[in-house]
Amino acid sequence: MQSMRSFSAVVAFFVSILLIATTVADYATAQSVTERPVVYQLPGMDKVVVKKDIIYKTDGEAKLKVDVYYPPNIEKSAKLPLVIFNNGVGAMEIPQWRVYQDWARLVAVTGMIAVNYQSRQGAAFKDTNDLIDYLRSTASTLQIDADRIGIWTCSGNVNVGLPLAMQENRPYIRCAVVYYGIAELNVIRQTLPLFVVRAGQDSRGLNQAIDQFVQNALVSDLNFQFINYLEGQHAFDIVDDNDRSREIIKQTLEFLKINLAAKQDAAAPETVLTATTFYDMLIRGQSDSAMAHYKRARTTFTGHPNYHWMMQESGMNAMGYQLMQDQRNEAAVEVMKINTENYPNSPNVFDSLSDAYEAVGDTAQAVQYAEKALALLQTDTTTNENFRRAIREGAEGKLQRLKRR
């Protein structure tokens, strides 16, 4: 989607700066960073079962390993959802970091499987991709449900984790958690649940990039939850030992558990039709697809049109006129036509369809539907008198104008 790509250069710049800054900071405080525990702990974390140093990839002399964390007393027949702690910066030692081990144990004691893995600098995306292939191909042996995978990614790792999770050919990635980081996106999966946390005490540049992402995510109607932790520092989950940090971590675990809890509905749409997504499709010239989506949404509509804007007569009418204002007259015709299907006894929608046909230069159709509006006015009892008069005067004036051509 273009709106998500428009700020990709800005994001890429800030991500590169973040990677450099993180590397320097980690070098300077390596002991404290690698040994710091997560500030939220749960009973039973010490009983989590860990299968360590499983080789998932051999590349020349390199043997890359993954550690798999299981809930205590996992049943032998169980197939559990998986959370991958993304190693997007390419650090071979990350599985030994206390923070990653604690997060994996938190996930495991919550009833899921977690993995930490090695990846190489400059090859982290390929290594992560190969890790996922390995985990899915050995899912039965590892007791993993290959169709219920979540990604947890943070800081400079997000540059790999988020674009990977957004890939359209990965419906088995059911959700993603993004802590204090952001990434360049060329494609989006609108329905992928995201949990995004912004640390208010982080760098201005990074937070500006996150702010831009959130703005574009709203415009694109992404399915995301956003927490703006104003007092939080970068890596708040290990450096800010307070109730707010613990609450956010608890929310994160609940988000993962909820979104990985059930089997994927094979019939679930990849796009949820909203007024925004519908209009964007029309603007991009995808009228056929937009109308197909709309008709499917209409067949499942069970609410009250007063509370569903695109099922309202006035809502679709307003969209049609906005399209005409934006010089998308052909799309306006399609919207006005479908409104006549929704409200076949409304004089107003046929008068509006007449306007749309006039805008595209189809005089015959414009005349036909103006006359239809006037005919319906004869038996209409639901429209107030002032509006009836406006429709009549508009339709009659339009007919006079059109018939002189």
Protein backbone atom coordinates (compact mmCIF):
# COMPACT_ATOMS: atom_id res chain seq x y z
CA MET A 1 0.00 0.00 0.00
CA GLN A 2 1.47 3.32 -1.05
CA SER A 3 0.70 5.11 2.21
CA MET A 4 2.89 2.64 4.11
CA ARG A 5 5.76 2.99 1.64
CA SER A 6 5.80 6.78 1.55
CA PHE A 7 7.89 7.10 4.70
CA SER A 8 10.08 4.02 4.14
CA ALA A 9 13.22 6.08 3.51
CA VAL A 10 12.73 7.95 6.79
CA VAL A 11 12.19 4.70 8.68
CA ALA A 12 15.21 3.05 7.06
CA PHE A 13 17.40 6.02 8.05
CA PHE A 14 16.29 5.97 11.68
CA VAL A 15 16.60 2.18 11.88
CA SER A 16 20.21 2.39 10.63
CA ILE A 17 20.97 5.05 13.25
CA LEU A 18 19.30 2.92 15.91
CA LEU A 19 21.33 -0.16 15.00
CA ILE A 20 24.57 1.80 15.31
CA ALA A 21 23.50 3.38 18.60
CA THR A 22 22.33 0.06 20.04
CA THR A 23 25.57 -1.69 19.10
CA VAL A 24 27.66 1.02 20.79
CA ALA A 25 25.47 1.04 23.88
CA ASP A 26 25.51 -2.73 24.19
CA TYR A 27 29.30 -2.81 23.87
CA ALA A 28 29.66 -0.21 26.57
CA THR A 29 27.30 -1.96 29.00
CA ALA A 30 27.49 -5.52 27.71
CA GLN A 31 27.58 -7.13 31.15
CA SER A 32 24.43 -5.41 32.42
CA VAL A 33 22.49 -5.76 29.19
CA THR A 34 23.13 -9.47 28.73
CA GLU A 35 22.49 -10.35 32.37
CA ARG A 36 19.50 -8.16 33.17
CA PRO A 37 16.29 -10.08 33.92
CA VAL A 38 12.88 -9.13 32.61
CA VAL A 39 11.19 -7.02 35.31
CA TYR A 40 8.09 -9.24 35.26
CA GLN A 41 8.42 -12.82 36.52
CA LEU A 42 5.89 -15.63 36.89
CA PRO A 43 5.81 -18.71 39.11
CA GLY A 44 7.00 -21.82 37.34
CA MET A 45 9.51 -20.12 35.03
CA ASP A 46 12.25 -22.21 36.66
CA LYS A 47 10.36 -25.39 35.71
CA VAL A 48 10.18 -24.61 31.98
CA VAL A 49 11.70 -27.39 29.85
CA VAL A 50 14.42 -26.20 27.46
CA LYS A 51 15.84 -28.16 24.54
CA LYS A 52 19.10 -26.38 23.80
CA ASP A 53 21.46 -26.13 20.85
CA ILE A 54 19.31 -27.78 18.19
CA ILE A 55 21.03 -27.22 14.84
CA TYR A 56 18.49 -25.68 12.48
CA LYS A 57 20.85 -24.67 9.66
CA THR A 58 24.29 -25.58 8.36
CA ASP A 59 25.97 -23.15 5.99
CA GLY A 60 29.56 -24.09 5.21
CA GLU A 61 31.29 -24.26 8.55
CA ALA A 62 28.54 -22.33 10.30
CA LYS A 63 26.08 -24.34 12.38
CA LEU A 64 23.23 -22.17 13.61
CA LYS A 65 21.37 -23.29 16.72
CA VAL A 66 17.96 -22.77 18.25
CA ASP A 67 16.73 -23.25 21.82
CA VAL A 68 13.13 -24.41 22.29
CA TYR A 69 11.23 -23.62 25.52
CA TYR A 70 8.27 -25.78 26.58
CA PRO A 71 5.63 -25.36 29.28
CA PRO A 72 6.24 -27.47 32.40
CA ASN A 73 4.55 -30.87 32.18
CA ILE A 74 3.66 -30.52 28.50
CA GLU A 75 1.64 -33.50 27.29
CA LYS A 76 3.31 -35.71 24.68
CA SER A 77 0.36 -35.38 22.29
CA ALA A 78 0.14 -31.58 22.58
CA LYS A 79 0.65 -29.29 19.60
CA LEU A 80 1.12 -25.79 20.93
CA PRO A 81 1.41 -22.33 19.34
CA LEU A 82 4.88 -20.90 18.91
CA VAL A 83 6.41 -17.49 19.66
CA ILE A 84 9.67 -16.68 17.87
CA PHE A 85 11.90 -14.14 19.58
CA ASN A 86 13.31 -12.47 16.51
CA ASN A 87 17.08 -12.14 16.22
CA GLY A 88 17.07 -9.55 13.46
CA VAL A 89 20.38 -7.86 14.21
CA GLY A 90 22.37 -11.03 13.57
CA ALA A 91 23.88 -11.73 16.99
CA MET A 92 25.06 -15.29 17.60
CA GLU A 93 25.04 -14.83 21.38
CA ILE A 94 21.42 -13.60 21.78
CA PRO A 95 20.07 -17.00 22.97
CA GLN A 96 22.39 -16.66 26.00
CA TRP A 97 21.06 -13.26 27.02
CA ARG A 98 19.02 -13.33 30.22
CA VAL A 99 16.33 -11.05 28.75
CA TYR A 100 15.64 -13.44 25.88
CA GLN A 101 15.68 -16.47 28.15
CA ASP A 102 13.27 -14.80 30.57
CA TRP A 103 10.88 -13.79 27.79
CA ALA A 104 10.93 -17.33 26.41
CA ARG A 105 10.21 -18.73 29.87
CA LEU A 106 7.35 -16.25 30.36
CA VAL A 107 5.79 -17.41 27.11
CA ALA A 108 6.30 -21.08 27.97
CA VAL A 109 4.83 -20.82 31.46
CA THR A 110 1.83 -19.05 29.86
CA GLY A 111 1.15 -22.22 27.84
CA MET A 112 2.94 -21.68 24.54
CA ILE A 113 6.26 -22.75 23.02
CA ALA A 114 9.04 -20.18 22.54
CA VAL A 115 12.31 -20.18 20.63
CA ASN A 116 15.53 -18.18 20.72
CA TYR A 117 17.98 -18.65 17.90
CA GLN A 118 21.31 -17.63 16.44
CA SER A 119 21.55 -15.55 13.27
CA ARG A 120 24.42 -13.85 11.49
CA GLN A 121 25.00 -10.18 10.90
CA GLY A 122 24.18 -9.38 7.30
CA ALA A 123 22.25 -12.63 6.89
CA ALA A 124 19.66 -12.27 9.64
CA PHE A 125 16.65 -12.14 7.31
CA LYS A 126 17.72 -15.27 5.41
CA ASP A 127 18.62 -17.07 8.62
CA THR A 128 15.26 -16.19 10.18
CA ASN A 129 13.44 -17.33 7.08
CA ASP A 130 15.34 -20.64 7.19
CA LEU A 131 14.59 -20.98 10.90
CA ILE A 132 10.86 -20.67 10.23
CA ASP A 133 11.08 -23.24 7.45
CA TYR A 134 12.91 -25.59 9.81
CA LEU A 135 10.44 -25.13 12.66
CA ARG A 136 7.46 -25.73 10.39
CA SER A 137 9.03 -28.77 8.73
CA THR A 138 9.84 -30.33 12.12
CA ALA A 139 6.70 -29.05 13.84
CA SER A 140 5.36 -32.50 14.67
CA THR A 141 8.61 -33.58 16.34
CA LEU A 142 8.91 -30.30 18.22
CA GLN A 143 5.20 -30.36 19.23
CA ILE A 144 4.60 -27.07 17.44
CA ASP A 145 1.36 -26.08 15.73
CA ALA A 146 2.86 -24.90 12.43
CA ASP A 147 -0.18 -22.74 11.66
CA ARG A 148 -0.07 -20.74 14.90
CA ILE A 149 3.12 -18.71 15.03
CA GLY A 150 3.73 -15.29 16.57
CA ILE A 151 6.73 -12.96 16.23
CA TRP A 152 8.16 -10.90 19.09
CA THR A 153 10.65 -8.28 17.90
CA CYS A 154 12.27 -5.23 19.42
CA SER A 155 14.68 -2.37 18.73
CA GLY A 156 16.96 -2.96 15.75
CA ASN A 157 15.55 -6.49 15.33
CA VAL A 158 12.30 -5.00 14.04
CA ASN A 159 13.92 -4.28 10.68
CA VAL A 160 13.77 -8.04 10.03
CA GLY A 161 10.89 -9.21 12.22
CA LEU A 162 8.13 -6.86 11.11
CA PRO A 163 8.62 -7.04 7.31
CA LEU A 164 8.86 -10.83 7.59
CA ALA A 165 5.62 -11.05 9.59
CA MET A 166 3.88 -8.82 7.05
CA GLN A 167 4.67 -11.04 4.07
CA GLU A 168 1.46 -12.08 2.35
CA ASN A 169 2.54 -15.70 1.94
CA ARG A 170 2.78 -16.24 5.71
CA PRO A 171 -0.80 -16.61 6.98
CA TYR A 172 0.52 -18.96 9.66
CA ILE A 173 2.15 -15.94 11.32
CA ARG A 174 -0.88 -14.95 13.32
CA CYS A 175 0.37 -11.88 15.20
CA ALA A 176 3.43 -9.74 15.94
CA VAL A 177 4.70 -7.79 18.94
CA VAL A 178 6.87 -4.72 18.25
CA TYR A 179 8.72 -3.07 21.13
CA TYR A 180 10.54 0.29 20.77
CA GLY A 181 11.41 -0.08 17.11
CA ILE A 182 9.99 0.19 13.60
CA ALA A 183 10.87 -0.98 10.10
CA GLU A 184 10.54 -0.22 6.43
CA LEU A 185 7.46 -1.94 4.95
CA ASN A 186 6.82 -2.56 1.27
CA VAL A 187 3.72 -4.69 1.84
CA ILE A 188 1.20 -4.97 4.64
CA ARG A 189 -1.23 -7.59 5.86
CA GLN A 190 -4.09 -5.45 7.04
CA THR A 191 -5.62 -8.09 9.31
CA LEU A 192 -2.37 -9.16 11.02
CA PRO A 193 -2.79 -8.25 14.71
CA LEU A 194 0.05 -6.00 15.89
CA PHE A 195 0.97 -4.95 19.43
CA VAL A 196 3.17 -1.86 19.22
CA VAL A 197 4.86 -0.25 22.23
CA ARG A 198 6.58 3.14 21.99
CA ALA A 199 9.02 4.16 24.74
CA GLY A 200 8.55 7.87 25.42
CA GLN A 201 12.11 8.31 26.72
CA ASP A 202 13.59 6.87 23.51
CA SER A 203 15.35 8.86 20.82
CA ARG A 204 13.37 11.60 19.12
CA GLY A 205 14.24 10.26 15.67
CA LEU A 206 13.08 6.72 16.38
CA ASN A 207 9.88 7.91 18.01
CA GLN A 208 9.14 10.19 15.07
CA ALA A 209 9.43 7.14 12.80
CA ILE A 210 7.09 5.17 15.09
CA ASP A 211 4.66 8.11 15.11
CA GLN A 212 4.65 8.15 11.32
CA PHE A 213 4.05 4.40 11.25
CA VAL A 214 1.08 4.75 13.61
CA GLN A 215 -0.39 7.56 11.52
CA ASN A 216 -0.07 5.51 8.34
CA ALA A 217 -1.35 2.40 10.10
CA LEU A 218 -4.52 4.28 11.02
CA VAL A 219 -4.95 5.56 7.47
CA SER A 220 -4.47 2.00 6.19
CA ASP A 221 -6.80 0.53 8.84
CA LEU A 222 -4.24 -1.90 10.20
CA ASN A 223 -5.30 -4.18 13.01
CA PHE A 224 -3.06 -2.92 15.80
CA GLN A 225 -2.93 -2.04 19.46
CA PHE A 226 -0.66 0.84 20.45
CA ILE A 227 0.80 1.71 23.83
CA ASN A 228 2.63 4.99 24.31
CA TYR A 229 4.67 4.39 27.46
CA LEU A 230 5.70 7.99 28.13
CA GLU A 231 7.98 7.23 31.09
CA GLY A 232 9.45 4.13 29.48
CA GLN A 233 13.05 3.91 28.37
CA HIS A 234 14.43 1.91 25.47
CA ALA A 235 14.48 -1.70 26.79
CA PHE A 236 11.98 -0.77 29.51
CA ASP A 237 11.23 -4.47 30.01
CA ILE A 238 14.64 -4.86 31.68
CA VAL A 239 15.51 -1.33 32.88
CA ASP A 240 12.23 0.13 34.21
CA ASP A 241 11.33 -2.04 37.19
CA ASN A 242 7.87 -0.68 37.95
CA ASP A 243 4.19 -1.60 37.78
CA ARG A 244 3.63 0.06 34.41
CA SER A 245 6.34 -2.04 32.75
CA ARG A 246 4.95 -5.18 34.34
CA GLU A 247 1.44 -4.35 33.20
CA ILE A 248 2.59 -3.87 29.58
CA ILE A 249 4.45 -7.20 29.66
CA LYS A 250 1.32 -8.90 31.04
CA GLN A 251 -0.74 -7.32 28.25
CA THR A 252 1.81 -8.55 25.71
CA LEU A 253 1.55 -12.14 26.94
CA GLU A 254 -2.23 -11.93 26.88
CA PHE A 255 -2.15 -10.53 23.34
CA LEU A 256 0.00 -13.45 22.19
CA LYS A 257 -2.14 -15.99 23.99
CA ILE A 258 -5.41 -14.65 22.57
CA ASN A 259 -4.19 -14.35 18.99
CA LEU A 260 -2.52 -17.75 18.98
CA ALA A 261 -5.29 -19.52 20.88
CA ALA A 262 -7.48 -20.82 18.08
CA LYS A 263 -7.08 -22.33 14.66
CA GLN A 264 -7.08 -19.87 11.77
CA ASP A 265 -10.49 -19.54 10.14
CA ALA A 266 -9.78 -20.54 6.54
CA ALA A 267 -12.65 -18.33 5.39
CA ALA A 268 -11.43 -15.26 7.27
CA PRO A 269 -10.76 -12.42 4.81
CA GLU A 270 -7.30 -10.96 4.42
CA THR A 271 -8.93 -7.54 4.17
CA VAL A 272 -11.57 -6.15 6.48
CA LEU A 273 -13.70 -3.77 4.49
CA THR A 274 -14.03 -0.37 6.10
CA ALA A 275 -14.98 2.97 4.64
CA THR A 276 -11.26 3.74 4.39
CA THR A 277 -10.18 0.52 2.66
CA PHE A 278 -13.22 0.60 0.35
CA TYR A 279 -12.52 4.18 -0.73
CA ASP A 280 -8.80 3.49 -1.21
CA MET A 281 -9.56 0.55 -3.49
CA LEU A 282 -11.88 2.72 -5.57
CA ILE A 283 -9.32 5.52 -5.78
CA ARG A 284 -6.70 3.02 -6.99
CA GLY A 285 -9.01 1.89 -9.81
CA GLN A 286 -9.92 -1.45 -8.21
CA SER A 287 -13.67 -1.02 -8.56
CA ASP A 288 -14.41 -4.67 -9.39
CA SER A 289 -12.54 -5.92 -6.35
CA ALA A 290 -14.01 -3.19 -4.13
CA MET A 291 -17.57 -4.05 -5.18
CA ALA A 292 -16.97 -7.76 -4.69
CA HIS A 293 -15.68 -7.06 -1.17
CA TYR A 294 -18.65 -4.81 -0.48
CA LYS A 295 -21.21 -7.37 -1.63
CA ARG A 296 -19.62 -10.05 0.54
CA ALA A 297 -19.71 -7.68 3.50
CA ARG A 298 -23.35 -6.89 2.77
CA THR A 299 -24.35 -10.57 2.84
CA THR A 300 -22.86 -10.97 6.33
CA PHE A 301 -24.23 -7.68 7.68
CA THR A 302 -26.43 -8.33 10.73
CA GLY A 303 -26.43 -4.98 12.51
CA HIS A 304 -28.51 -1.86 12.15
CA PRO A 305 -27.68 0.46 9.23
CA ASN A 306 -27.83 3.51 11.49
CA TYR A 307 -24.64 2.24 13.13
CA HIS A 308 -22.81 0.97 10.04
CA TRP A 309 -21.80 3.88 7.85
CA MET A 310 -21.37 1.92 4.60
CA MET A 311 -24.78 0.34 4.98
CA GLN A 312 -26.45 3.72 5.38
CA GLU A 313 -28.07 5.36 2.39
CA SER A 314 -26.50 8.68 3.35
CA GLY A 315 -23.09 7.11 3.93
CA MET A 316 -22.75 5.57 0.48
CA ASN A 317 -24.27 8.67 -1.10
CA ALA A 318 -21.64 10.83 0.59
CA MET A 319 -18.90 8.50 -0.62
CA GLY A 320 -20.19 8.70 -4.19
CA TYR A 321 -20.19 12.49 -4.19
CA GLN A 322 -16.70 12.55 -2.64
CA LEU A 323 -15.49 10.33 -5.48
CA MET A 324 -16.99 12.78 -7.98
CA GLN A 325 -15.25 15.63 -6.22
CA ASP A 326 -11.99 13.65 -6.54
CA GLN A 327 -12.61 13.16 -10.28
CA ARG A 328 -13.27 9.43 -9.86
CA ASN A 329 -16.59 9.55 -11.67
CA GLU A 330 -16.67 5.95 -12.91
CA ALA A 331 -16.14 4.73 -9.36
CA ALA A 332 -18.88 7.09 -8.18
CA VAL A 333 -21.30 5.43 -10.63
CA GLU A 334 -20.50 2.02 -9.11
CA VAL A 335 -21.08 3.30 -5.58
CA MET A 336 -24.34 5.02 -6.49
CA LYS A 337 -25.51 1.88 -8.34
CA ILE A 338 -24.94 -0.33 -5.33
CA ASN A 339 -26.82 2.17 -3.18
CA THR A 340 -29.86 1.73 -5.42
CA GLU A 341 -29.60 -2.00 -4.74
CA ASN A 342 -29.54 -1.28 -1.02
CA TYR A 343 -32.43 1.20 -1.16
CA PRO A 344 -34.50 0.40 -4.28
CA ASN A 345 -37.45 2.59 -3.16
CA SER A 346 -35.44 5.71 -2.40
CA PRO A 347 -35.90 8.64 -4.81
CA ASN A 348 -32.71 10.20 -3.47
CA VAL A 349 -30.35 7.36 -4.45
CA PHE A 350 -31.66 7.29 -8.02
CA ASP A 351 -31.29 11.06 -8.31
CA SER A 352 -27.70 10.65 -7.07
CA LEU A 353 -27.05 7.89 -9.60
CA SER A 354 -28.34 10.26 -12.25
CA ASP A 355 -25.77 12.85 -11.10
CA ALA A 356 -22.99 10.27 -11.36
CA TYR A 357 -23.98 9.29 -14.90
CA GLU A 358 -24.09 12.95 -15.87
CA ALA A 359 -20.57 13.32 -14.49
CA VAL A 360 -19.27 10.55 -16.77
CA GLY A 361 -21.11 12.03 -19.75
CA ASP A 362 -23.78 9.32 -20.10
CA THR A 363 -26.78 11.55 -20.80
CA ALA A 364 -29.21 8.72 -21.56
CA GLN A 365 -28.61 7.01 -18.22
CA ALA A 366 -28.64 10.31 -16.37
CA VAL A 367 -32.09 11.08 -17.85
CA GLN A 368 -33.37 7.57 -17.10
CA TYR A 369 -32.48 7.72 -13.42
CA ALA A 370 -33.64 11.30 -12.90
CA GLU A 371 -37.03 10.20 -14.24
CA LYS A 372 -36.90 7.15 -11.97
CA ALA A 373 -36.32 9.44 -8.98
CA LEU A 374 -39.33 11.56 -9.90
CA ALA A 375 -41.51 8.47 -10.34
CA LEU A 376 -40.54 7.13 -6.92
CA LEU A 377 -41.37 10.49 -5.36
CA GLN A 378 -45.00 9.93 -6.34
CA THR A 379 -45.37 7.04 -3.90
CA ASP A 380 -42.68 7.87 -1.36
CA THR A 381 -43.98 8.45 2.18
CA THR A 382 -40.75 8.34 4.17
CA THR A 383 -38.91 11.45 2.98
CA ASN A 384 -39.71 14.77 4.67
CA GLU A 385 -41.32 17.45 2.53
CA ASN A 386 -38.32 19.76 2.35
CA PHE A 387 -36.07 16.97 1.12
CA ARG A 388 -38.75 15.79 -1.34
CA ARG A 389 -38.91 19.30 -2.76
CA ALA A 390 -35.12 19.46 -3.10
CA ILE A 391 -35.00 16.12 -4.92
CA ARG A 392 -37.85 17.12 -7.23
CA GLU A 393 -36.37 20.50 -8.10
CA GLY A 394 -32.93 19.00 -8.64
CA ALA A 395 -34.20 16.17 -10.85
CA GLU A 396 -36.49 18.42 -12.91
CA GLY A 397 -33.80 21.04 -13.42
CA LYS A 398 -31.35 18.34 -14.43
CA LEU A 399 -33.80 16.87 -16.97
CA GLN A 400 -34.34 20.26 -18.56
CA ARG A 401 -30.61 20.75 -18.82
CA LEU A 402 -29.89 17.27 -20.17
CA LYS A 403 -32.69 17.26 -22.74
CA ARG A 404 -31.41 20.49 -24.26
CA ARG A 405 -28.11 18.76 -25.18
